Amino acid sequence: MTSAPTIETDRLILRPHKQSDLEALWRFYQSDRSKFMDAPDSRSQLWTGLLAEVGSWEIFDWGGLAIETKDGQLAGQVWISQPPHFPELELGWIVFAEFEGASYAFEAASAMRDYAFEILNVDTLVSYIDQNNRRSIALAERMGARLDPDAESYDPMDLVYRHAPDSAGPGLEAYA
């Protein structure tokens, strides 16, 4: 078992969540940007979900991390997770609207992917992406993930993009 790591990239710090992250995450889930996700219906559901992401590090060696800019602004979240309804281990991400277009999602998700392959030694990861979420599809493809039409999904609206170790970038040392 491990505590949540802190991963630094050129412009970001992927860090364990803090209580102060809750309000920004709630605002995100109340926005149109969350329309392709299973958004929490209440602050209590958000709290429970966030605590599951935090506690998963202690039990499973994976979970969620906050995406923070080097100047201390919370920009989103990235995670490795497999709740009971997910057939496989997922790599997921969200970036708040004001940080869109800066490639923060690419940088954070690539670092988390590399962490999963290099540190956790997972064989594969998937990203479950709503078929209408063009931004996330483009990001998965930019990261080298490939559509896997034979993979099982928990949601019929989702496409499954598979990340493999050979799709990984230069490795974690490039982010340090």
C-alpha atoms as a PDB file:
ATOM      1  CA  MET A   1       0.000   0.000   0.000  1.00  0.00           C
ATOM      2  CA  THR A   2       1.116   3.513  -0.735  1.00  0.00           C
ATOM      3  CA  SER A   3       0.116   7.061  -0.026  1.00  0.00           C
ATOM      4  CA  ALA A   4      -0.873   9.287  -2.904  1.00  0.00           C
ATOM      5  CA  PRO A   5       2.211  10.486  -4.767  1.00  0.00           C
ATOM      6  CA  THR A   6       3.106  13.961  -5.907  1.00  0.00           C
ATOM      7  CA  ILE A   7       4.175  14.041  -9.552  1.00  0.00           C
ATOM      8  CA  GLU A   8       5.791  17.138 -11.044  1.00  0.00           C
ATOM      9  CA  THR A   9       5.816  17.983 -14.727  1.00  0.00           C
ATOM     10  CA  ASP A  10       7.292  21.020 -16.447  1.00  0.00           C
ATOM     11  CA  ARG A  11       4.258  23.168 -15.629  1.00  0.00           C
ATOM     12  CA  LEU A  12       2.142  21.160 -13.204  1.00  0.00           C
ATOM     13  CA  ILE A  13       2.069  19.472  -9.834  1.00  0.00           C
ATOM     14  CA  LEU A  14      -0.182  16.431  -9.562  1.00  0.00           C
ATOM     15  CA  ARG A  15      -0.818  16.312  -5.849  1.00  0.00           C
ATOM     16  CA  PRO A  16      -3.030  14.634  -3.276  1.00  0.00           C
ATOM     17  CA  HIS A  17      -6.372  16.349  -2.859  1.00  0.00           C
ATOM     18  CA  LYS A  18      -7.084  18.918  -0.152  1.00  0.00           C
ATOM     19  CA  GLN A  19     -10.369  19.947   1.416  1.00  0.00           C
ATOM     20  CA  SER A  20     -10.157  23.238  -0.476  1.00  0.00           C
ATOM     21  CA  ASP A  21     -10.466  21.342  -3.808  1.00  0.00           C
ATOM     22  CA  LEU A  22     -14.099  20.434  -3.095  1.00  0.00           C
ATOM     23  CA  GLU A  23     -15.612  23.791  -4.050  1.00  0.00           C
ATOM     24  CA  ALA A  24     -13.817  24.001  -7.404  1.00  0.00           C
ATOM     25  CA  LEU A  25     -14.781  20.422  -8.220  1.00  0.00           C
ATOM     26  CA  TRP A  26     -18.400  21.153  -7.300  1.00  0.00           C
ATOM     27  CA  ARG A  27     -18.421  24.160  -9.655  1.00  0.00           C
ATOM     28  CA  PHE A  28     -17.022  21.962 -12.430  1.00  0.00           C
ATOM     29  CA  TYR A  29     -19.712  19.317 -11.938  1.00  0.00           C
ATOM     30  CA  GLN A  30     -22.392  22.022 -12.044  1.00  0.00           C
ATOM     31  CA  SER A  31     -21.089  23.272 -15.394  1.00  0.00           C
ATOM     32  CA  ASP A  32     -21.753  22.137 -18.938  1.00  0.00           C
ATOM     33  CA  ARG A  33     -18.207  20.729 -19.043  1.00  0.00           C
ATOM     34  CA  SER A  34     -19.343  17.720 -17.010  1.00  0.00           C
ATOM     35  CA  LYS A  35     -22.176  16.753 -19.368  1.00  0.00           C
ATOM     36  CA  PHE A  36     -20.331  13.643 -20.557  1.00  0.00           C
ATOM     37  CA  MET A  37     -19.619  12.367 -17.040  1.00  0.00           C
ATOM     38  CA  ASP A  38     -21.478  10.757 -14.175  1.00  0.00           C
ATOM     39  CA  ALA A  39     -21.711  13.970 -12.180  1.00  0.00           C
ATOM     40  CA  PRO A  40     -22.574  13.889  -8.487  1.00  0.00           C
ATOM     41  CA  ASP A  41     -26.111  14.987  -7.649  1.00  0.00           C
ATOM     42  CA  SER A  42     -25.143  16.632  -4.379  1.00  0.00           C
ATOM     43  CA  ARG A  43     -22.189  17.951  -2.450  1.00  0.00           C
ATOM     44  CA  SER A  44     -22.470  14.839  -0.283  1.00  0.00           C
ATOM     45  CA  GLN A  45     -22.030  12.604  -3.345  1.00  0.00           C
ATOM     46  CA  LEU A  46     -19.056  14.692  -4.455  1.00  0.00           C
ATOM     47  CA  TRP A  47     -17.537  14.397  -0.968  1.00  0.00           C
ATOM     48  CA  THR A  48     -18.017  10.621  -0.997  1.00  0.00           C
ATOM     49  CA  GLY A  49     -16.561  10.307  -4.489  1.00  0.00           C
ATOM     50  CA  LEU A  50     -13.566  12.458  -3.692  1.00  0.00           C
ATOM     51  CA  LEU A  51     -12.874  10.509  -0.520  1.00  0.00           C
ATOM     52  CA  ALA A  52     -13.007   7.305  -2.565  1.00  0.00           C
ATOM     53  CA  GLU A  53     -10.347   8.762  -4.892  1.00  0.00           C
ATOM     54  CA  VAL A  54      -8.207   9.764  -1.902  1.00  0.00           C
ATOM     55  CA  GLY A  55      -8.662   6.499   0.021  1.00  0.00           C
ATOM     56  CA  SER A  56      -8.029   4.325  -3.015  1.00  0.00           C
ATOM     57  CA  TRP A  57      -4.335   5.175  -2.799  1.00  0.00           C
ATOM     58  CA  GLU A  58      -4.097   3.449   0.576  1.00  0.00           C
ATOM     59  CA  ILE A  59      -6.008   0.333  -0.482  1.00  0.00           C
ATOM     60  CA  PHE A  60      -5.270  -0.131  -4.206  1.00  0.00           C
ATOM     61  CA  ASP A  61      -2.136   1.988  -4.871  1.00  0.00           C
ATOM     62  CA  TRP A  62      -4.078   4.192  -7.305  1.00  0.00           C
ATOM     63  CA  GLY A  63      -6.632   6.994  -7.101  1.00  0.00           C
ATOM     64  CA  GLY A  64      -7.134  10.636  -8.012  1.00  0.00           C
ATOM     65  CA  LEU A  65      -4.768  13.587  -7.892  1.00  0.00           C
ATOM     66  CA  ALA A  66      -5.409  17.296  -8.185  1.00  0.00           C
ATOM     67  CA  ILE A  67      -3.883  19.085 -11.157  1.00  0.00           C
ATOM     68  CA  GLU A  68      -2.254  22.264  -9.891  1.00  0.00           C
ATOM     69  CA  THR A  69      -0.278  24.830 -11.887  1.00  0.00           C
ATOM     70  CA  LYS A  70       3.190  25.684 -10.607  1.00  0.00           C
ATOM     71  CA  ASP A  71       1.771  29.013  -9.382  1.00  0.00           C
ATOM     72  CA  GLY A  72      -0.743  27.183  -7.152  1.00  0.00           C
ATOM     73  CA  GLN A  73      -3.986  27.293  -9.180  1.00  0.00           C
ATOM     74  CA  LEU A  74      -6.200  24.210  -9.136  1.00  0.00           C
ATOM     75  CA  ALA A  75      -6.714  23.293 -12.803  1.00  0.00           C
ATOM     76  CA  GLY A  76      -8.559  19.955 -12.593  1.00  0.00           C
ATOM     77  CA  GLN A  77      -8.118  16.322 -11.648  1.00  0.00           C
ATOM     78  CA  VAL A  78      -6.515  13.205 -13.091  1.00  0.00           C
ATOM     79  CA  TRP A  79      -7.064   9.654 -11.871  1.00  0.00           C
ATOM     80  CA  ILE A  80      -6.402   5.983 -12.197  1.00  0.00           C
ATOM     81  CA  SER A  81      -9.453   4.150 -10.912  1.00  0.00           C
ATOM     82  CA  GLN A  82     -11.540   1.024 -11.130  1.00  0.00           C
ATOM     83  CA  PRO A  83     -14.774   1.305  -9.179  1.00  0.00           C
ATOM     84  CA  PRO A  84     -16.837  -1.902  -9.071  1.00  0.00           C
ATOM     85  CA  HIS A  85     -18.811  -1.081 -12.240  1.00  0.00           C
ATOM     86  CA  PHE A  86     -15.675  -0.508 -14.369  1.00  0.00           C
ATOM     87  CA  PRO A  87     -14.474  -3.616 -16.222  1.00  0.00           C
ATOM     88  CA  GLU A  88     -10.872  -2.325 -16.326  1.00  0.00           C
ATOM     89  CA  LEU A  89      -8.536   0.167 -14.724  1.00  0.00           C
ATOM     90  CA  GLU A  90      -9.270   3.619 -16.134  1.00  0.00           C
ATOM     91  CA  LEU A  91      -7.138   6.672 -16.757  1.00  0.00           C
ATOM     92  CA  GLY A  92      -9.366   9.748 -16.585  1.00  0.00           C
ATOM     93  CA  TRP A  93      -9.053  13.526 -16.470  1.00  0.00           C
ATOM     94  CA  ILE A  94     -10.931  16.778 -16.122  1.00  0.00           C
ATOM     95  CA  VAL A  95      -9.651  20.296 -16.692  1.00  0.00           C
ATOM     96  CA  PHE A  96     -11.535  23.384 -15.605  1.00  0.00           C
ATOM     97  CA  ALA A  97     -12.737  25.746 -18.347  1.00  0.00           C
ATOM     98  CA  GLU A  98     -10.301  28.536 -17.549  1.00  0.00           C
ATOM     99  CA  PHE A  99      -7.376  26.145 -18.174  1.00  0.00           C
ATOM    100  CA  GLU A 100      -8.671  24.740 -21.485  1.00  0.00           C
ATOM    101  CA  GLY A 101      -6.335  24.995 -24.455  1.00  0.00           C
ATOM    102  CA  ALA A 102      -3.060  25.056 -22.508  1.00  0.00           C
ATOM    103  CA  SER A 103      -2.369  21.304 -22.937  1.00  0.00           C
ATOM    104  CA  TYR A 104      -2.633  20.798 -19.170  1.00  0.00           C
ATOM    105  CA  ALA A 105      -4.902  17.762 -19.633  1.00  0.00           C
ATOM    106  CA  PHE A 106      -2.367  16.190 -21.993  1.00  0.00           C
ATOM    107  CA  GLU A 107       0.535  16.890 -19.647  1.00  0.00           C
ATOM    108  CA  ALA A 108      -1.274  15.623 -16.534  1.00  0.00           C
ATOM    109  CA  ALA A 109      -2.836  12.541 -18.136  1.00  0.00           C
ATOM    110  CA  SER A 110       0.451  11.586 -19.804  1.00  0.00           C
ATOM    111  CA  ALA A 111       2.300  11.852 -16.484  1.00  0.00           C
ATOM    112  CA  MET A 112      -0.358   9.762 -14.714  1.00  0.00           C
ATOM    113  CA  ARG A 113      -0.254   7.177 -17.515  1.00  0.00           C
ATOM    114  CA  ASP A 114       3.528   6.970 -17.243  1.00  0.00           C
ATOM    115  CA  TYR A 115       3.236   6.605 -13.451  1.00  0.00           C
ATOM    116  CA  ALA A 116       0.831   3.685 -13.917  1.00  0.00           C
ATOM    117  CA  PHE A 117       3.110   1.881 -16.345  1.00  0.00           C
ATOM    118  CA  GLU A 118       6.475   2.677 -14.753  1.00  0.00           C
ATOM    119  CA  ILE A 119       5.723   2.701 -11.018  1.00  0.00           C
ATOM    120  CA  LEU A 120       2.566   0.609 -10.645  1.00  0.00           C
ATOM    121  CA  ASN A 121       3.600  -1.807 -13.421  1.00  0.00           C
ATOM    122  CA  VAL A 122       0.104  -2.090 -14.873  1.00  0.00           C
ATOM    123  CA  ASP A 123      -0.165  -3.861 -18.227  1.00  0.00           C
ATOM    124  CA  THR A 124      -2.841  -1.655 -19.752  1.00  0.00           C
ATOM    125  CA  LEU A 125      -5.197   1.221 -18.987  1.00  0.00           C
ATOM    126  CA  VAL A 126      -8.384   2.315 -20.669  1.00  0.00           C
ATOM    127  CA  SER A 127     -10.207   5.602 -20.890  1.00  0.00           C
ATOM    128  CA  TYR A 128     -14.000   5.366 -21.016  1.00  0.00           C
ATOM    129  CA  ILE A 129     -15.075   8.325 -23.144  1.00  0.00           C
ATOM    130  CA  ASP A 130     -18.587   9.339 -24.154  1.00  0.00           C
ATOM    131  CA  GLN A 131     -18.841   8.988 -27.926  1.00  0.00           C
ATOM    132  CA  ASN A 132     -19.847  12.661 -28.188  1.00  0.00           C
ATOM    133  CA  ASN A 133     -16.917  13.982 -26.145  1.00  0.00           C
ATOM    134  CA  ARG A 134     -14.715  15.051 -29.046  1.00  0.00           C
ATOM    135  CA  ARG A 135     -12.150  16.848 -26.858  1.00  0.00           C
ATOM    136  CA  SER A 136     -11.420  13.788 -24.739  1.00  0.00           C
ATOM    137  CA  ILE A 137     -11.326  11.511 -27.787  1.00  0.00           C
ATOM    138  CA  ALA A 138      -8.787  13.833 -29.416  1.00  0.00           C
ATOM    139  CA  LEU A 139      -6.727  13.894 -26.227  1.00  0.00           C
ATOM    140  CA  ALA A 140      -6.697  10.092 -25.895  1.00  0.00           C
ATOM    141  CA  GLU A 141      -5.593   9.772 -29.518  1.00  0.00           C
ATOM    142  CA  ARG A 142      -2.929  12.450 -29.058  1.00  0.00           C
ATOM    143  CA  MET A 143      -1.628  10.408 -26.120  1.00  0.00           C
ATOM    144  CA  GLY A 144      -1.286   7.361 -28.377  1.00  0.00           C
ATOM    145  CA  ALA A 145      -4.334   5.473 -27.084  1.00  0.00           C
ATOM    146  CA  ARG A 146      -6.249   3.409 -29.605  1.00  0.00           C
ATOM    147  CA  LEU A 147      -9.953   2.744 -29.904  1.00  0.00           C
ATOM    148  CA  ASP A 148     -10.670  -0.793 -28.679  1.00  0.00           C
ATOM    149  CA  PRO A 149     -14.095  -1.751 -30.074  1.00  0.00           C
ATOM    150  CA  ASP A 150     -13.891  -5.207 -28.443  1.00  0.00           C
ATOM    151  CA  ALA A 151     -13.358  -3.899 -24.910  1.00  0.00           C
ATOM    152  CA  GLU A 152     -16.205  -4.093 -22.437  1.00  0.00           C
ATOM    153  CA  SER A 153     -17.726  -0.852 -21.170  1.00  0.00           C
ATOM    154  CA  TYR A 154     -20.163  -0.137 -18.359  1.00  0.00           C
ATOM    155  CA  ASP A 155     -21.921   2.582 -20.383  1.00  0.00           C
ATOM    156  CA  PRO A 156     -23.234   1.950 -23.917  1.00  0.00           C
ATOM    157  CA  MET A 157     -22.529   5.606 -24.815  1.00  0.00           C
ATOM    158  CA  ASP A 158     -18.807   5.173 -24.092  1.00  0.00           C
ATOM    159  CA  LEU A 159     -15.996   4.344 -26.432  1.00  0.00           C
ATOM    160  CA  VAL A 160     -13.049   2.542 -24.888  1.00  0.00           C
ATOM    161  CA  TYR A 161      -9.596   3.903 -25.671  1.00  0.00           C
ATOM    162  CA  ARG A 162      -6.725   1.619 -24.693  1.00  0.00           C
ATOM    163  CA  HIS A 163      -3.386   2.930 -23.447  1.00  0.00           C
ATOM    164  CA  ALA A 164      -0.491   0.509 -23.683  1.00  0.00           C
ATOM    165  CA  PRO A 165       3.055   0.830 -22.336  1.00  0.00           C
ATOM    166  CA  ASP A 166       4.320   1.327 -25.883  1.00  0.00           C
ATOM    167  CA  SER A 167       1.982   4.344 -26.240  1.00  0.00           C
ATOM    168  CA  ALA A 168       3.701   6.034 -23.308  1.00  0.00           C
ATOM    169  CA  GLY A 169       5.862   9.059 -23.835  1.00  0.00           C
ATOM    170  CA  PRO A 170       9.418   9.688 -22.659  1.00  0.00           C
ATOM    171  CA  GLY A 171       8.752   8.456 -19.126  1.00  0.00           C
ATOM    172  CA  LEU A 172       8.502  10.014 -15.701  1.00  0.00           C
ATOM    173  CA  GLU A 173      12.084  11.249 -15.662  1.00  0.00           C
ATOM    174  CA  ALA A 174      11.058  13.706 -18.365  1.00  0.00           C
ATOM    175  CA  TYR A 175       8.523  15.246 -15.980  1.00  0.00           C
ATOM    176  CA  ALA A 176      10.776  15.632 -12.938  1.00  0.00           C
END
